[in-house]
PDB file of all heavy atoms in Angstrom:
ATOM      1  N   ALA A   1    -178.845 -96.664-203.656  1.00  0.00           N
ATOM      2  CA  ALA A   1    -177.603 -97.387-203.375  1.00  0.00           C
ATOM      3  C   ALA A   1    -176.910 -96.674-202.215  1.00  0.00           C
ATOM      4  O   ALA A   1    -177.268 -95.537-201.873  1.00  0.00           O
ATOM      5  CB  ALA A   1    -176.703 -97.419-204.605  1.00  0.00           C
ATOM      6  N   PRO A   2    -175.921 -97.306-201.603  1.00  0.00           N
ATOM      7  CA  PRO A   2    -175.145 -96.620-200.562  1.00  0.00           C
ATOM      8  C   PRO A   2    -174.458 -95.367-201.108  1.00  0.00           C
ATOM      9  O   PRO A   2    -174.183 -95.265-202.311  1.00  0.00           O
ATOM     10  CB  PRO A   2    -174.123 -97.684-200.138  1.00  0.00           C
ATOM     11  CG  PRO A   2    -174.730 -98.989-200.513  1.00  0.00           C
ATOM     12  CD  PRO A   2    -175.520 -98.710-201.762  1.00  0.00           C
ATOM     13  N   ASP A   3    -174.187 -94.428-200.230  1.00  0.00           N
ATOM     14  CA  ASP A   3    -173.590 -93.148-200.651  1.00  0.00           C
ATOM     15  C   ASP A   3    -172.283 -93.347-201.416  1.00  0.00           C
ATOM     16  O   ASP A   3    -172.028 -92.651-202.410  1.00  0.00           O
ATOM     17  CB  ASP A   3    -173.336 -92.267-199.422  1.00  0.00           C
ATOM     18  CG  ASP A   3    -174.634 -91.752-198.802  1.00  0.00           C
ATOM     19  OD1 ASP A   3    -175.680 -91.832-199.466  1.00  0.00           O
ATOM     20  OD2 ASP A   3    -174.596 -91.261-197.658  1.00  0.00           O
ATOM     21  N   ALA A   4    -171.453 -94.281-200.956  1.00  0.00           N
ATOM     22  CA  ALA A   4    -170.160 -94.494-201.614  1.00  0.00           C
ATOM     23  C   ALA A   4    -170.358 -94.983-203.050  1.00  0.00           C
ATOM     24  O   ALA A   4    -169.637 -94.562-203.969  1.00  0.00           O
ATOM     25  CB  ALA A   4    -169.318 -95.495-200.826  1.00  0.00           C
ATOM     26  N   ALA A   5    -171.333 -95.856-203.258  1.00  0.00           N
ATOM     27  CA  ALA A   5    -171.599 -96.369-204.603  1.00  0.00           C
ATOM     28  C   ALA A   5    -172.154 -95.269-205.496  1.00  0.00           C
ATOM     29  O   ALA A   5    -171.811 -95.183-206.687  1.00  0.00           O
ATOM     30  CB  ALA A   5    -172.571 -97.540-204.534  1.00  0.00           C
ATOM     31  N   ILE A   6    -172.994 -94.411-204.944  1.00  0.00           N
ATOM     32  CA  ILE A   6    -173.544 -93.299-205.727  1.00  0.00           C
ATOM     33  C   ILE A   6    -172.427 -92.336-206.121  1.00  0.00           C
ATOM     34  O   ILE A   6    -172.365 -91.874-207.270  1.00  0.00           O
ATOM     35  CB  ILE A   6    -174.640 -92.576-204.932  1.00  0.00           C
ATOM     36  CG1 ILE A   6    -175.884 -93.477-204.832  1.00  0.00           C
ATOM     37  CG2 ILE A   6    -175.005 -91.249-205.588  1.00  0.00           C
ATOM     38  CD1 ILE A   6    -176.982 -92.909-203.976  1.00  0.00           C
ATOM     39  N   SER A   7    -171.544 -92.047-205.188  1.00  0.00           N
ATOM     40  CA  SER A   7    -170.421 -91.152-205.497  1.00  0.00           C
ATOM     41  C   SER A   7    -169.553 -91.721-206.614  1.00  0.00           C
ATOM     42  O   SER A   7    -169.124 -90.994-207.521  1.00  0.00           O
ATOM     43  CB  SER A   7    -169.577 -90.915-204.239  1.00  0.00           C
ATOM     44  OG  SER A   7    -170.329 -90.233-203.245  1.00  0.00           O
ATOM     45  N   ALA A   8    -169.308 -93.021-206.563  1.00  0.00           N
ATOM     46  CA  ALA A   8    -168.513 -93.665-207.608  1.00  0.00           C
ATOM     47  C   ALA A   8    -169.227 -93.584-208.954  1.00  0.00           C
ATOM     48  O   ALA A   8    -168.612 -93.294-209.990  1.00  0.00           O
ATOM     49  CB  ALA A   8    -168.234 -95.114-207.235  1.00  0.00           C
ATOM     50  N   PHE A   9    -170.529 -93.816-208.953  1.00  0.00           N
ATOM     51  CA  PHE A   9    -171.299 -93.740-210.197  1.00  0.00           C
ATOM     52  C   PHE A   9    -171.246 -92.336-210.790  1.00  0.00           C
ATOM     53  O   PHE A   9    -171.031 -92.160-211.995  1.00  0.00           O
ATOM     54  CB  PHE A   9    -172.746 -94.156-209.945  1.00  0.00           C
ATOM     55  CG  PHE A   9    -173.651 -93.943-211.116  1.00  0.00           C
ATOM     56  CD1 PHE A   9    -173.634 -94.818-212.185  1.00  0.00           C
ATOM     57  CD2 PHE A   9    -174.503 -92.841-211.168  1.00  0.00           C
ATOM     58  CE1 PHE A   9    -174.452 -94.610-213.292  1.00  0.00           C
ATOM     59  CE2 PHE A   9    -175.324 -92.630-212.255  1.00  0.00           C
ATOM     60  CZ  PHE A   9    -175.308 -93.513-213.326  1.00  0.00           C
ATOM     61  N   LEU A  10    -171.438 -91.339-209.948  1.00  0.00           N
ATOM     62  CA  LEU A  10    -171.428 -89.954-210.437  1.00  0.00           C
ATOM     63  C   LEU A  10    -170.059 -89.553-210.981  1.00  0.00           C
ATOM     64  O   LEU A  10    -169.961 -88.664-211.834  1.00  0.00           O
ATOM     65  CB  LEU A  10    -171.855 -89.001-209.318  1.00  0.00           C
ATOM     66  CG  LEU A  10    -173.297 -89.150-208.831  1.00  0.00           C
ATOM     67  CD1 LEU A  10    -173.581 -88.172-207.701  1.00  0.00           C
ATOM     68  CD2 LEU A  10    -174.291 -88.951-209.972  1.00  0.00           C
ATOM     69  N   ALA A  11    -169.018 -90.226-210.495  1.00  0.00           N
ATOM     70  CA  ALA A  11    -167.660 -89.948-210.974  1.00  0.00           C
ATOM     71  C   ALA A  11    -167.306 -90.749-212.217  1.00  0.00           C
ATOM     72  O   ALA A  11    -166.167 -90.697-212.689  1.00  0.00           O
ATOM     73  CB  ALA A  11    -166.657 -90.243-209.862  1.00  0.00           C
ATOM     74  N   GLY A  12    -168.282 -91.521-212.747  1.00  0.00           N
ATOM     75  CA  GLY A  12    -168.029 -92.267-213.976  1.00  0.00           C
ATOM     76  C   GLY A  12    -167.482 -93.652-213.769  1.00  0.00           C
ATOM     77  O   GLY A  12    -166.980 -94.266-214.718  1.00  0.00           O
ATOM     78  N   ARG A  13    -167.593 -94.161-212.566  1.00  0.00           N
ATOM     79  CA  ARG A  13    -167.078 -95.495-212.288  1.00  0.00           C
ATOM     80  C   ARG A  13    -168.251 -96.473-212.103  1.00  0.00           C
ATOM     81  O   ARG A  13    -169.390 -96.037-211.917  1.00  0.00           O
ATOM     82  CB  ARG A  13    -166.191 -95.453-211.024  1.00  0.00           C
ATOM     83  CG  ARG A  13    -164.984 -94.544-211.162  1.00  0.00           C
ATOM     84  CD  ARG A  13    -163.988 -94.774-210.039  1.00  0.00           C
ATOM     85  NE  ARG A  13    -164.554 -94.493-208.731  1.00  0.00           N
ATOM     86  CZ  ARG A  13    -164.518 -93.300-208.126  1.00  0.00           C
ATOM     87  NH1 ARG A  13    -163.963 -92.275-208.740  1.00  0.00           N
ATOM     88  NH2 ARG A  13    -165.046 -93.124-206.941  1.00  0.00           N
ATOM     89  N   PRO A  14    -168.003 -97.781-212.176  1.00  0.00           N
ATOM     90  CA  PRO A  14    -166.683 -98.429-212.223  1.00  0.00           C
ATOM     91  C   PRO A  14    -166.115 -98.676-213.623  1.00  0.00           C
ATOM     92  O   PRO A  14    -164.936 -98.934-213.766  1.00  0.00           O
ATOM     93  CB  PRO A  14    -166.944 -99.774-211.528  1.00  0.00           C
ATOM     94  CG  PRO A  14    -168.373-100.060-211.800  1.00  0.00           C
ATOM     95  CD  PRO A  14    -169.071 -98.741-211.829  1.00  0.00           C
ATOM     96  N   THR A  15    -166.945 -98.592-214.678  1.00  0.00           N
ATOM     97  CA  THR A  15    -166.443 -98.953-216.008  1.00  0.00           C
ATOM     98  C   THR A  15    -166.411 -97.785-216.979  1.00  0.00           C
ATOM     99  O   THR A  15    -165.710 -97.850-217.987  1.00  0.00           O
ATOM    100  CB  THR A  15    -167.321-100.061-216.622  1.00  0.00           C
ATOM    101  OG1 THR A  15    -168.603 -99.505-216.978  1.00  0.00           O
ATOM    102  CG2 THR A  15    -167.506-101.222-215.661  1.00  0.00           C
ATOM    103  N   GLY A  16    -167.186 -96.760-216.725  1.00  0.00           N
ATOM    104  CA  GLY A  16    -167.310 -95.667-217.683  1.00  0.00           C
ATOM    105  C   GLY A  16    -168.439 -95.862-218.671  1.00  0.00           C
ATOM    106  O   GLY A  16    -168.817 -94.929-219.385  1.00  0.00           O
ATOM    107  N   ALA A  17    -169.000 -97.072-218.744  1.00  0.00           N
ATOM    108  CA  ALA A  17    -170.147 -97.354-219.609  1.00  0.00           C
ATOM    109  C   ALA A  17    -171.423 -97.143-218.802  1.00  0.00           C
ATOM    110  O   ALA A  17    -171.610 -97.775-217.760  1.00  0.00           O
ATOM    111  CB  ALA A  17    -170.079 -98.784-220.135  1.00  0.00           C
ATOM    112  N   LEU A  18    -172.295 -96.256-219.254  1.00  0.00           N
ATOM    113  CA  LEU A  18    -173.424 -95.816-218.445  1.00  0.00           C
ATOM    114  C   LEU A  18    -174.334 -96.960-218.020  1.00  0.00           C
ATOM    115  O   LEU A  18    -174.659 -97.101-216.835  1.00  0.00           O
ATOM    116  CB  LEU A  18    -174.228 -94.766-219.220  1.00  0.00           C
ATOM    117  CG  LEU A  18    -175.433 -94.172-218.481  1.00  0.00           C
ATOM    118  CD1 LEU A  18    -175.017 -93.545-217.157  1.00  0.00           C
ATOM    119  CD2 LEU A  18    -176.141 -93.147-219.359  1.00  0.00           C
ATOM    120  N   LEU A  19    -174.763 -97.797-218.954  1.00  0.00           N
ATOM    121  CA  LEU A  19    -175.688 -98.866-218.599  1.00  0.00           C
ATOM    122  C   LEU A  19    -175.029 -99.867-217.651  1.00  0.00           C
ATOM    123  O   LEU A  19    -175.631-100.283-216.654  1.00  0.00           O
ATOM    124  CB  LEU A  19    -176.201 -99.590-219.850  1.00  0.00           C
ATOM    125  CG  LEU A  19    -177.205-100.712-219.582  1.00  0.00           C
ATOM    126  CD1 LEU A  19    -178.452-100.180-218.886  1.00  0.00           C
ATOM    127  CD2 LEU A  19    -177.584-101.420-220.883  1.00  0.00           C
ATOM    128  N   ASP A  20    -173.787-100.243-217.940  1.00  0.00           N
ATOM    129  CA  ASP A  20    -173.086-101.185-217.067  1.00  0.00           C
ATOM    130  C   ASP A  20    -172.946-100.620-215.658  1.00  0.00           C
ATOM    131  O   ASP A  20    -173.120-101.332-214.663  1.00  0.00           O
ATOM    132  CB  ASP A  20    -171.699-101.498-217.628  1.00  0.00           C
ATOM    133  CG  ASP A  20    -171.758-102.341-218.894  1.00  0.00           C
ATOM    134  OD1 ASP A  20    -172.834-102.913-219.168  1.00  0.00           O
ATOM    135  OD2 ASP A  20    -170.746-102.424-219.600  1.00  0.00           O
ATOM    136  N   ASP A  21    -172.631 -99.338-215.567  1.00  0.00           N
ATOM    137  CA  ASP A  21    -172.446 -98.719-214.254  1.00  0.00           C
ATOM    138  C   ASP A  21    -173.775 -98.597-213.510  1.00  0.00           C
ATOM    139  O   ASP A  21    -173.825 -98.725-212.280  1.00  0.00           O
ATOM    140  CB  ASP A  21    -171.796 -97.346-214.401  1.00  0.00           C
ATOM    141  CG  ASP A  21    -170.350 -97.444-214.860  1.00  0.00           C
ATOM    142  OD1 ASP A  21    -169.819 -98.573-214.894  1.00  0.00           O
ATOM    143  OD2 ASP A  21    -169.763 -96.402-215.196  1.00  0.00           O
ATOM    144  N   LEU A  22    -174.849 -98.356-214.244  1.00  0.00           N
ATOM    145  CA  LEU A  22    -176.169 -98.306-213.611  1.00  0.00           C
ATOM    146  C   LEU A  22    -176.562 -99.676-213.065  1.00  0.00           C
ATOM    147  O   LEU A  22    -177.095 -99.788-211.955  1.00  0.00           O
ATOM    148  CB  LEU A  22    -177.220 -97.849-214.633  1.00  0.00           C
ATOM    149  CG  LEU A  22    -177.615 -96.381-214.621  1.00  0.00           C
ATOM    150  CD1 LEU A  22    -178.702 -96.137-215.658  1.00  0.00           C
ATOM    151  CD2 LEU A  22    -178.084 -95.927-213.252  1.00  0.00           C
ATOM    152  N   VAL A  23    -176.325-100.702-213.853  1.00  0.00           N
ATOM    153  CA  VAL A  23    -176.646-102.062-213.408  1.00  0.00           C
ATOM    154  C   VAL A  23    -175.855-102.418-212.153  1.00  0.00           C
ATOM    155  O   VAL A  23    -176.383-103.008-211.209  1.00  0.00           O
ATOM    156  CB  VAL A  23    -176.383-103.075-214.545  1.00  0.00           C
ATOM    157  CG1 VAL A  23    -176.429-104.498-214.030  1.00  0.00           C
ATOM    158  CG2 VAL A  23    -177.397-102.876-215.666  1.00  0.00           C
ATOM    159  N   ALA A  24    -174.581-102.035-212.125  1.00  0.00           N
ATOM    160  CA  ALA A  24    -173.773-102.277-210.935  1.00  0.00           C
ATOM    161  C   ALA A  24    -174.314-101.503-209.742  1.00  0.00           C
ATOM    162  O   ALA A  24    -174.358-102.009-208.610  1.00  0.00           O
ATOM    163  CB  ALA A  24    -172.316-101.884-211.207  1.00  0.00           C
ATOM    164  N   LEU A  25    -174.752-100.268-209.982  1.00  0.00           N
ATOM    165  CA  LEU A  25    -175.296 -99.439-208.903  1.00  0.00           C
ATOM    166  C   LEU A  25    -176.568-100.043-208.322  1.00  0.00           C
ATOM    167  O   LEU A  25    -176.802 -99.989-207.113  1.00  0.00           O
ATOM    168  CB  LEU A  25    -175.593 -98.037-209.441  1.00  0.00           C
ATOM    169  CG  LEU A  25    -176.069 -96.995-208.434  1.00  0.00           C
ATOM    170  CD1 LEU A  25    -174.927 -96.585-207.509  1.00  0.00           C
ATOM    171  CD2 LEU A  25    -176.648 -95.776-209.150  1.00  0.00           C
ATOM    172  N   LEU A  26    -177.386-100.634-209.174  1.00  0.00           N
ATOM    173  CA  LEU A  26    -178.698-101.157-208.763  1.00  0.00           C
ATOM    174  C   LEU A  26    -178.657-102.613-208.326  1.00  0.00           C
ATOM    175  O   LEU A  26    -179.709-103.179-208.018  1.00  0.00           O
ATOM    176  CB  LEU A  26    -179.696-100.992-209.911  1.00  0.00           C
ATOM    177  CG  LEU A  26    -179.929 -99.565-210.411  1.00  0.00           C
ATOM    178  CD1 LEU A  26    -180.903 -99.570-211.586  1.00  0.00           C
ATOM    179  CD2 LEU A  26    -180.441 -98.674-209.297  1.00  0.00           C
ATOM    180  N   ASP A  27    -177.500-103.203-208.295  1.00  0.00           N
ATOM    181  CA  ASP A  27    -177.357-104.614-207.909  1.00  0.00           C
ATOM    182  C   ASP A  27    -178.081-104.879-206.591  1.00  0.00           C
ATOM    183  O   ASP A  27    -177.737-104.295-205.556  1.00  0.00           O
ATOM    184  CB  ASP A  27    -175.868-104.942-207.769  1.00  0.00           C
ATOM    185  CG  ASP A  27    -175.623-106.382-207.352  1.00  0.00           C
ATOM    186  OD1 ASP A  27    -176.588-107.174-207.347  1.00  0.00           O
ATOM    187  OD2 ASP A  27    -174.472-106.712-207.012  1.00  0.00           O
ATOM    188  N   PRO A  28    -179.102-105.765-206.580  1.00  0.00           N
ATOM    189  CA  PRO A  28    -179.895-105.997-205.374  1.00  0.00           C
ATOM    190  C   PRO A  28    -179.336-107.094-204.460  1.00  0.00           C
ATOM    191  O   PRO A  28    -180.054-107.612-203.609  1.00  0.00           O
ATOM    192  CB  PRO A  28    -181.250-106.412-205.943  1.00  0.00           C
ATOM    193  CG  PRO A  28    -180.888-107.157-207.188  1.00  0.00           C
ATOM    194  CD  PRO A  28    -179.657-106.464-207.751  1.00  0.00           C
ATOM    195  N   SER A  29    -178.077-107.446-204.631  1.00  0.00           N
ATOM    196  CA  SER A  29    -177.511-108.539-203.833  1.00  0.00           C
ATOM    197  C   SER A  29    -177.567-108.245-202.333  1.00  0.00           C
ATOM    198  O   SER A  29    -177.773-109.150-201.521  1.00  0.00           O
ATOM    199  CB  SER A  29    -176.069-108.815-204.262  1.00  0.00           C
ATOM    200  OG  SER A  29    -176.024-109.249-205.607  1.00  0.00           O
ATOM    201  N   ASP A  30    -177.386-106.974-201.956  1.00  0.00           N
ATOM    202  CA  ASP A  30    -177.449-106.622-200.536  1.00  0.00           C
ATOM    203  C   ASP A  30    -178.848-106.849-199.977  1.00  0.00           C
ATOM    204  O   ASP A  30    -179.006-107.328-198.851  1.00  0.00           O
ATOM    205  CB  ASP A  30    -177.033-105.163-200.321  1.00  0.00           C
ATOM    206  CG  ASP A  30    -175.540-104.961-200.490  1.00  0.00           C
ATOM    207  OD1 ASP A  30    -174.798-105.966-200.510  1.00  0.00           O
ATOM    208  OD2 ASP A  30    -175.107-103.794-200.598  1.00  0.00           O
ATOM    209  N   GLN A  31    -179.871-106.497-200.752  1.00  0.00           N
ATOM    210  CA  GLN A  31    -181.248-106.741-200.311  1.00  0.00           C
ATOM    211  C   GLN A  31    -181.490-108.228-200.142  1.00  0.00           C
ATOM    212  O   GLN A  31    -182.124-108.668-199.177  1.00  0.00           O
ATOM    213  CB  GLN A  31    -182.250-106.169-201.317  1.00  0.00           C
ATOM    214  CG  GLN A  31    -183.706-106.443-200.930  1.00  0.00           C
ATOM    215  CD  GLN A  31    -184.686-106.173-202.062  1.00  0.00           C
ATOM    216  OE1 GLN A  31    -184.275-105.964-203.208  1.00  0.00           O
ATOM    217  NE2 GLN A  31    -185.963-106.172-201.759  1.00  0.00           N
ATOM    218  N   LEU A  32    -180.983-109.013-201.077  1.00  0.00           N
ATOM    219  CA  LEU A  32    -181.156-110.455-200.993  1.00  0.00           C
ATOM    220  C   LEU A  32    -180.484-111.008-199.751  1.00  0.00           C
ATOM    221  O   LEU A  32    -181.039-111.865-199.052  1.00  0.00           O
ATOM    222  CB  LEU A  32    -180.587-111.118-202.246  1.00  0.00           C
ATOM    223  CG  LEU A  32    -180.801-112.615-202.376  1.00  0.00           C
ATOM    224  CD1 LEU A  32    -182.276-112.944-202.514  1.00  0.00           C
ATOM    225  CD2 LEU A  32    -180.029-113.162-203.571  1.00  0.00           C
ATOM    226  N   ALA A  33    -179.281-110.517-199.451  1.00  0.00           N
ATOM    227  CA  ALA A  33    -178.575-110.979-198.257  1.00  0.00           C
ATOM    228  C   ALA A  33    -179.314-110.576-196.987  1.00  0.00           C
ATOM    229  O   ALA A  33    -179.347-111.322-195.995  1.00  0.00           O
ATOM    230  CB  ALA A  33    -177.149-110.416-198.243  1.00  0.00           C
ATOM    231  N   ARG A  34    -179.917-109.400-197.013  1.00  0.00           N
ATOM    232  CA  ARG A  34    -180.607-108.884-195.830  1.00  0.00           C
ATOM    233  C   ARG A  34    -181.939-109.600-195.593  1.00  0.00           C
ATOM    234  O   ARG A  34    -182.271-109.965-194.462  1.00  0.00           O
ATOM    235  CB  ARG A  34    -180.837-107.378-196.000  1.00  0.00           C
ATOM    236  CG  ARG A  34    -181.485-106.692-194.819  1.00  0.00           C
ATOM    237  CD  ARG A  34    -181.529-105.193-195.028  1.00  0.00           C
ATOM    238  NE  ARG A  34    -182.250-104.807-196.227  1.00  0.00           N
ATOM    239  CZ  ARG A  34    -181.681-104.342-197.332  1.00  0.00           C
ATOM    240  NH1 ARG A  34    -180.375-104.205-197.404  1.00  0.00           N
ATOM    241  NH2 ARG A  34    -182.418-104.003-198.388  1.00  0.00           N
ATOM    242  N   GLU A  35    -182.714-109.808-196.648  1.00  0.00           N
ATOM    243  CA  GLU A  35    -184.059-110.343-196.496  1.00  0.00           C
ATOM    244  C   GLU A  35    -184.134-111.841-196.745  1.00  0.00           C
ATOM    245  O   GLU A  35    -185.106-112.480-196.337  1.00  0.00           O
ATOM    246  CB  GLU A  35    -185.009-109.614-197.444  1.00  0.00           C
ATOM    247  CG  GLU A  35    -185.090-108.115-197.176  1.00  0.00           C
ATOM    248  CD  GLU A  35    -186.061-107.409-198.106  1.00  0.00           C
ATOM    249  OE1 GLU A  35    -186.709-108.101-198.925  1.00  0.00           O
ATOM    250  OE2 GLU A  35    -186.183-106.176-198.013  1.00  0.00           O
ATOM    251  N   GLY A  36    -183.134-112.410-197.417  1.00  0.00           N
ATOM    252  CA  GLY A  36    -183.158-113.825-197.727  1.00  0.00           C
ATOM    253  C   GLY A  36    -184.020-114.109-198.947  1.00  0.00           C
ATOM    254  O   GLY A  36    -184.945-113.350-199.278  1.00  0.00           O
ATOM    255  N   ARG A  37    -183.699-115.202-199.615  1.00  0.00           N
ATOM    256  CA  ARG A  37    -184.460-115.544-200.818  1.00  0.00           C
ATOM    257  C   ARG A  37    -185.934-115.761-200.499  1.00  0.00           C
ATOM    258  O   ARG A  37    -186.814-115.314-201.250  1.00  0.00           O
ATOM    259  CB  ARG A  37    -183.879-116.800-201.459  1.00  0.00           C
ATOM    260  CG  ARG A  37    -184.534-117.149-202.791  1.00  0.00           C
ATOM    261  CD  ARG A  37    -183.889-118.361-203.438  1.00  0.00           C
ATOM    262  NE  ARG A  37    -184.412-118.566-204.774  1.00  0.00           N
ATOM    263  CZ  ARG A  37    -185.545-119.206-205.057  1.00  0.00           C
ATOM    264  NH1 ARG A  37    -186.255-119.706-204.078  1.00  0.00           N
ATOM    265  NH2 ARG A  37    -185.954-119.329-206.301  1.00  0.00           N
ATOM    266  N   ASP A  38    -186.223-116.420-199.376  1.00  0.00           N
ATOM    267  CA  ASP A  38    -187.617-116.677-199.025  1.00  0.00           C
ATOM    268  C   ASP A  38    -188.371-115.376-198.778  1.00  0.00           C
ATOM    269  O   ASP A  38    -189.533-115.233-199.177  1.00  0.00           O
ATOM    270  CB  ASP A  38    -187.698-117.567-197.784  1.00  0.00           C
ATOM    271  CG  ASP A  38    -187.261-118.999-198.070  1.00  0.00           C
ATOM    272  OD1 ASP A  38    -187.182-119.376-199.255  1.00  0.00           O
ATOM    273  OD2 ASP A  38    -186.996-119.740-197.101  1.00  0.00           O
ATOM    274  N   GLY A  39    -187.712-114.418-198.117  1.00  0.00           N
ATOM    275  CA  GLY A  39    -188.367-113.155-197.836  1.00  0.00           C
ATOM    276  C   GLY A  39    -188.707-112.384-199.092  1.00  0.00           C
ATOM    277  O   GLY A  39    -189.809-111.823-199.220  1.00  0.00           O
ATOM    278  N   VAL A  40    -187.783-112.352-200.036  1.00  0.00           N
ATOM    279  CA  VAL A  40    -188.037-111.654-201.298  1.00  0.00           C
ATOM    280  C   VAL A  40    -189.106-112.389-202.100  1.00  0.00           C
ATOM    281  O   VAL A  40    -189.995-111.768-202.696  1.00  0.00           O
ATOM    282  CB  VAL A  40    -186.737-111.520-202.111  1.00  0.00           C
ATOM    283  CG1 VAL A  40    -187.013-110.886-203.472  1.00  0.00           C
ATOM    284  CG2 VAL A  40    -185.717-110.689-201.340  1.00  0.00           C
ATOM    285  N   GLN A  41    -189.062-113.719-202.100  1.00  0.00           N
ATOM    286  CA  GLN A  41    -190.070-114.489-202.820  1.00  0.00           C
ATOM    287  C   GLN A  41    -191.460-114.267-202.224  1.00  0.00           C
ATOM    288  O   GLN A  41    -192.459-114.157-202.961  1.00  0.00           O
ATOM    289  CB  GLN A  41    -189.727-115.975-202.789  1.00  0.00           C
ATOM    290  CG  GLN A  41    -190.674-116.854-203.594  1.00  0.00           C
ATOM    291  CD  GLN A  41    -190.624-116.539-205.071  1.00  0.00           C
ATOM    292  OE1 GLN A  41    -189.604-116.737-205.712  1.00  0.00           O
ATOM    293  NE2 GLN A  41    -191.724-116.036-205.625  1.00  0.00           N
ATOM    294  N   GLN A  42    -191.541-114.169-200.890  1.00  0.00           N
ATOM    295  CA  GLN A  42    -192.823-113.894-200.253  1.00  0.00           C
ATOM    296  C   GLN A  42    -193.379-112.543-200.693  1.00  0.00           C
ATOM    297  O   GLN A  42    -194.578-112.403-200.937  1.00  0.00           O
ATOM    298  CB  GLN A  42    -192.671-113.941-198.737  1.00  0.00           C
ATOM    299  CG  GLN A  42    -192.519-115.346-198.179  1.00  0.00           C
ATOM    300  CD  GLN A  42    -192.191-115.349-196.700  1.00  0.00           C
ATOM    301  OE1 GLN A  42    -191.724-114.360-196.136  1.00  0.00           O
ATOM    302  NE2 GLN A  42    -192.438-116.474-196.043  1.00  0.00           N
TER     303      GLN A  42
END
């Protein structure tokens, strides 16, 4: 994840719940925006 997101995760954010915060950290929406749905599907 980006450095800012990693720093937030290590500080116990955004929710304080470990699994929820991990899922937020790993959110692949940026990859999807960068590569497009067709690119990821390929």
